[in-house]
Amino acid sequence: MPKKYLIKDTTKEEREALVREGLFCDANECENCSACGKYGTGDMLEIYQPYIDGKKELYEINSGFSGGVIH
């Protein structure tokens, strides 16, 4: 059975874990620091916060990306 990513099928904690896993970002050790904003600028966790909070689905957020530019 495939993993569920829809808001209705996940808890807030599961959604945050999915985003962190997708960004290779761990609370203790970050492999992609610019993604999580731990040390750099590009805070990707902030971009995905509406998904984590249950306000927008992943596909809605990802559809805003085009050629490295967020629309």
N, C-alpha and C. Protein backbone atom coordinates (compact mmCIF):
# COMPACT_ATOMS: atom_id res chain seq x y z
N MET A 1 0.84 -1.18 0.00
CA MET A 1 0.00 0.00 0.00
C MET A 1 0.89 1.25 0.00
N PRO A 2 0.62 2.21 -0.89
CA PRO A 2 1.45 3.42 -0.96
C PRO A 2 1.27 4.29 0.28
N LYS A 3 2.31 5.06 0.57
CA LYS A 3 2.24 6.00 1.69
C LYS A 3 1.21 7.08 1.38
N LYS A 4 0.59 7.57 2.41
CA LYS A 4 -0.40 8.65 2.27
C LYS A 4 0.27 9.98 2.62
N TYR A 5 0.03 10.97 1.79
CA TYR A 5 0.60 12.29 2.00
C TYR A 5 -0.46 13.38 2.13
N LEU A 6 -1.70 13.05 1.86
CA LEU A 6 -2.75 14.05 1.93
C LEU A 6 -2.97 14.49 3.38
N ILE A 7 -3.38 15.73 3.55
CA ILE A 7 -3.61 16.27 4.88
C ILE A 7 -4.60 15.41 5.66
N LYS A 8 -5.66 14.97 4.99
CA LYS A 8 -6.69 14.18 5.68
C LYS A 8 -6.18 12.83 6.17
N ASP A 9 -5.06 12.37 5.62
CA ASP A 9 -4.52 11.06 5.98
C ASP A 9 -3.32 11.13 6.91
N THR A 10 -2.94 12.33 7.35
CA THR A 10 -1.74 12.48 8.18
C THR A 10 -2.00 13.41 9.36
N THR A 11 -1.17 13.27 10.37
CA THR A 11 -1.19 14.20 11.49
C THR A 11 -0.18 15.31 11.22
N LYS A 12 -0.25 16.37 11.98
CA LYS A 12 0.71 17.47 11.83
C LYS A 12 2.14 16.96 12.01
N GLU A 13 2.35 16.10 12.99
CA GLU A 13 3.67 15.56 13.25
C GLU A 13 4.17 14.71 12.08
N GLU A 14 3.27 13.93 11.48
CA GLU A 14 3.64 13.13 10.32
C GLU A 14 3.99 14.01 9.13
N ARG A 15 3.23 15.08 8.93
CA ARG A 15 3.51 15.99 7.81
C ARG A 15 4.86 16.68 7.99
N GLU A 16 5.17 17.10 9.20
CA GLU A 16 6.47 17.73 9.45
C GLU A 16 7.59 16.73 9.20
N ALA A 17 7.41 15.50 9.64
CA ALA A 17 8.42 14.47 9.41
C ALA A 17 8.60 14.20 7.92
N LEU A 18 7.50 14.17 7.17
CA LEU A 18 7.57 13.96 5.72
C LEU A 18 8.36 15.08 5.05
N VAL A 19 8.11 16.31 5.44
CA VAL A 19 8.82 17.45 4.85
C VAL A 19 10.30 17.38 5.21
N ARG A 20 10.60 17.15 6.47
CA ARG A 20 12.01 17.05 6.89
C ARG A 20 12.72 15.92 6.15
N GLU A 21 12.05 14.78 6.02
CA GLU A 21 12.63 13.64 5.31
C GLU A 21 12.88 14.01 3.85
N GLY A 22 11.93 14.68 3.23
CA GLY A 22 12.08 15.09 1.84
C GLY A 22 13.19 16.10 1.63
N LEU A 23 13.47 16.91 2.64
CA LEU A 23 14.52 17.93 2.54
C LEU A 23 15.83 17.42 3.11
N PHE A 24 15.87 16.18 3.56
CA PHE A 24 17.05 15.62 4.20
C PHE A 24 17.45 16.47 5.40
N CYS A 25 16.45 16.89 6.17
CA CYS A 25 16.68 17.77 7.30
C CYS A 25 16.25 17.07 8.58
N ASP A 26 17.15 16.98 9.53
CA ASP A 26 16.90 16.34 10.81
C ASP A 26 17.05 17.38 11.90
N ALA A 27 16.29 17.27 12.94
CA ALA A 27 16.33 18.27 14.03
C ALA A 27 17.71 18.36 14.67
N ASN A 28 18.48 17.28 14.67
CA ASN A 28 19.78 17.28 15.34
C ASN A 28 20.95 17.45 14.38
N GLU A 29 20.83 16.93 13.20
CA GLU A 29 21.92 16.99 12.24
C GLU A 29 21.35 17.25 10.87
N CYS A 30 21.75 18.31 10.27
CA CYS A 30 21.15 18.72 9.01
C CYS A 30 22.15 18.54 7.87
N GLU A 31 21.74 17.77 6.85
CA GLU A 31 22.60 17.55 5.70
C GLU A 31 22.42 18.65 4.66
N ASN A 32 21.35 19.39 4.74
CA ASN A 32 21.04 20.41 3.74
C ASN A 32 20.64 21.69 4.47
N CYS A 33 21.58 22.29 5.15
CA CYS A 33 21.29 23.39 6.07
C CYS A 33 20.58 24.57 5.43
N SER A 34 20.85 24.86 4.18
CA SER A 34 20.16 25.98 3.55
C SER A 34 18.68 25.66 3.35
N ALA A 35 18.33 24.36 3.31
CA ALA A 35 16.93 23.98 3.13
C ALA A 35 16.13 24.22 4.40
N CYS A 36 16.68 23.87 5.54
CA CYS A 36 15.90 24.01 6.76
C CYS A 36 16.10 25.37 7.42
N GLY A 37 17.06 26.12 6.96
CA GLY A 37 17.29 27.45 7.51
C GLY A 37 18.09 27.43 8.80
N LYS A 38 18.58 26.26 9.17
CA LYS A 38 19.31 26.13 10.43
C LYS A 38 20.54 27.03 10.45
N TYR A 39 21.23 27.11 9.32
CA TYR A 39 22.42 27.94 9.24
C TYR A 39 22.38 28.94 8.09
N GLY A 40 21.54 28.70 7.11
CA GLY A 40 21.56 29.51 5.91
C GLY A 40 20.29 30.32 5.71
N THR A 41 20.07 30.72 4.51
CA THR A 41 18.91 31.52 4.18
C THR A 41 17.84 30.65 3.57
N GLY A 42 17.62 30.17 2.62
CA GLY A 42 16.58 29.47 1.91
C GLY A 42 15.58 28.65 2.69
N ASP A 43 15.15 29.01 3.80
CA ASP A 43 14.30 28.26 4.72
C ASP A 43 13.12 27.52 4.05
N MET A 44 13.40 26.32 3.59
CA MET A 44 12.38 25.51 2.90
C MET A 44 11.29 25.05 3.85
N LEU A 45 11.62 24.85 5.11
CA LEU A 45 10.58 24.46 6.06
C LEU A 45 9.50 25.52 6.12
N GLU A 46 9.88 26.77 6.02
CA GLU A 46 8.91 27.86 6.04
C GLU A 46 7.99 27.79 4.81
N ILE A 47 8.56 27.45 3.67
CA ILE A 47 7.76 27.33 2.45
C ILE A 47 6.72 26.22 2.59
N TYR A 48 7.09 25.13 3.25
CA TYR A 48 6.19 23.99 3.42
C TYR A 48 5.33 24.07 4.68
N GLN A 49 5.43 25.16 5.44
CA GLN A 49 4.65 25.31 6.67
C GLN A 49 3.14 25.22 6.45
N PRO A 50 2.59 25.77 5.36
CA PRO A 50 1.15 25.62 5.14
C PRO A 50 0.72 24.15 5.03
N TYR A 51 1.57 23.30 4.46
CA TYR A 51 1.27 21.86 4.41
C TYR A 51 1.33 21.26 5.81
N ILE A 52 2.38 21.58 6.53
CA ILE A 52 2.54 21.07 7.89
C ILE A 52 1.35 21.48 8.75
N ASP A 53 0.88 22.71 8.57
CA ASP A 53 -0.26 23.23 9.35
C ASP A 53 -1.61 22.73 8.85
N GLY A 54 -1.62 22.01 7.72
CA GLY A 54 -2.87 21.47 7.19
C GLY A 54 -3.68 22.45 6.37
N LYS A 55 -3.03 23.48 5.83
CA LYS A 55 -3.75 24.51 5.07
C LYS A 55 -3.65 24.32 3.56
N LYS A 56 -2.56 23.72 3.08
CA LYS A 56 -2.36 23.48 1.64
C LYS A 56 -1.76 22.09 1.46
N GLU A 57 -2.17 21.43 0.40
CA GLU A 57 -1.60 20.12 0.07
C GLU A 57 -0.21 20.33 -0.55
N LEU A 58 0.61 19.28 -0.51
CA LEU A 58 1.95 19.36 -1.09
C LEU A 58 1.91 19.76 -2.56
N TYR A 59 0.97 19.17 -3.31
CA TYR A 59 0.92 19.47 -4.74
C TYR A 59 0.62 20.95 -4.99
N GLU A 60 -0.13 21.59 -4.09
CA GLU A 60 -0.43 23.01 -4.25
C GLU A 60 0.82 23.86 -4.06
N ILE A 61 1.62 23.49 -3.08
CA ILE A 61 2.86 24.22 -2.81
C ILE A 61 3.87 23.96 -3.93
N ASN A 62 4.02 22.69 -4.29
CA ASN A 62 5.00 22.33 -5.31
C ASN A 62 4.64 22.90 -6.69
N SER A 63 3.37 23.12 -6.95
CA SER A 63 2.98 23.68 -8.25
C SER A 63 3.44 25.13 -8.39
N GLY A 64 3.79 25.76 -7.29
CA GLY A 64 4.28 27.14 -7.32
C GLY A 64 5.75 27.25 -7.70
N PHE A 65 6.46 26.10 -7.78
CA PHE A 65 7.86 26.11 -8.15
C PHE A 65 7.99 25.96 -9.66
N SER A 66 8.83 26.77 -10.25
CA SER A 66 9.08 26.65 -11.69
C SER A 66 10.49 27.11 -11.98
N GLY A 67 11.34 26.18 -12.37
CA GLY A 67 12.71 26.55 -12.71
C GLY A 67 13.47 27.18 -11.57
N GLY A 68 13.22 26.74 -10.35
CA GLY A 68 13.90 27.27 -9.19
C GLY A 68 13.34 28.57 -8.66
N VAL A 69 12.24 29.02 -9.26
CA VAL A 69 11.60 30.27 -8.83
C VAL A 69 10.26 29.95 -8.22
N ILE A 70 9.94 30.57 -7.11
CA ILE A 70 8.66 30.36 -6.45
C ILE A 70 7.71 31.44 -6.92
N HIS A 71 6.54 31.02 -7.41
CA HIS A 71 5.53 31.97 -7.91
C HIS A 71 4.46 32.19 -6.86
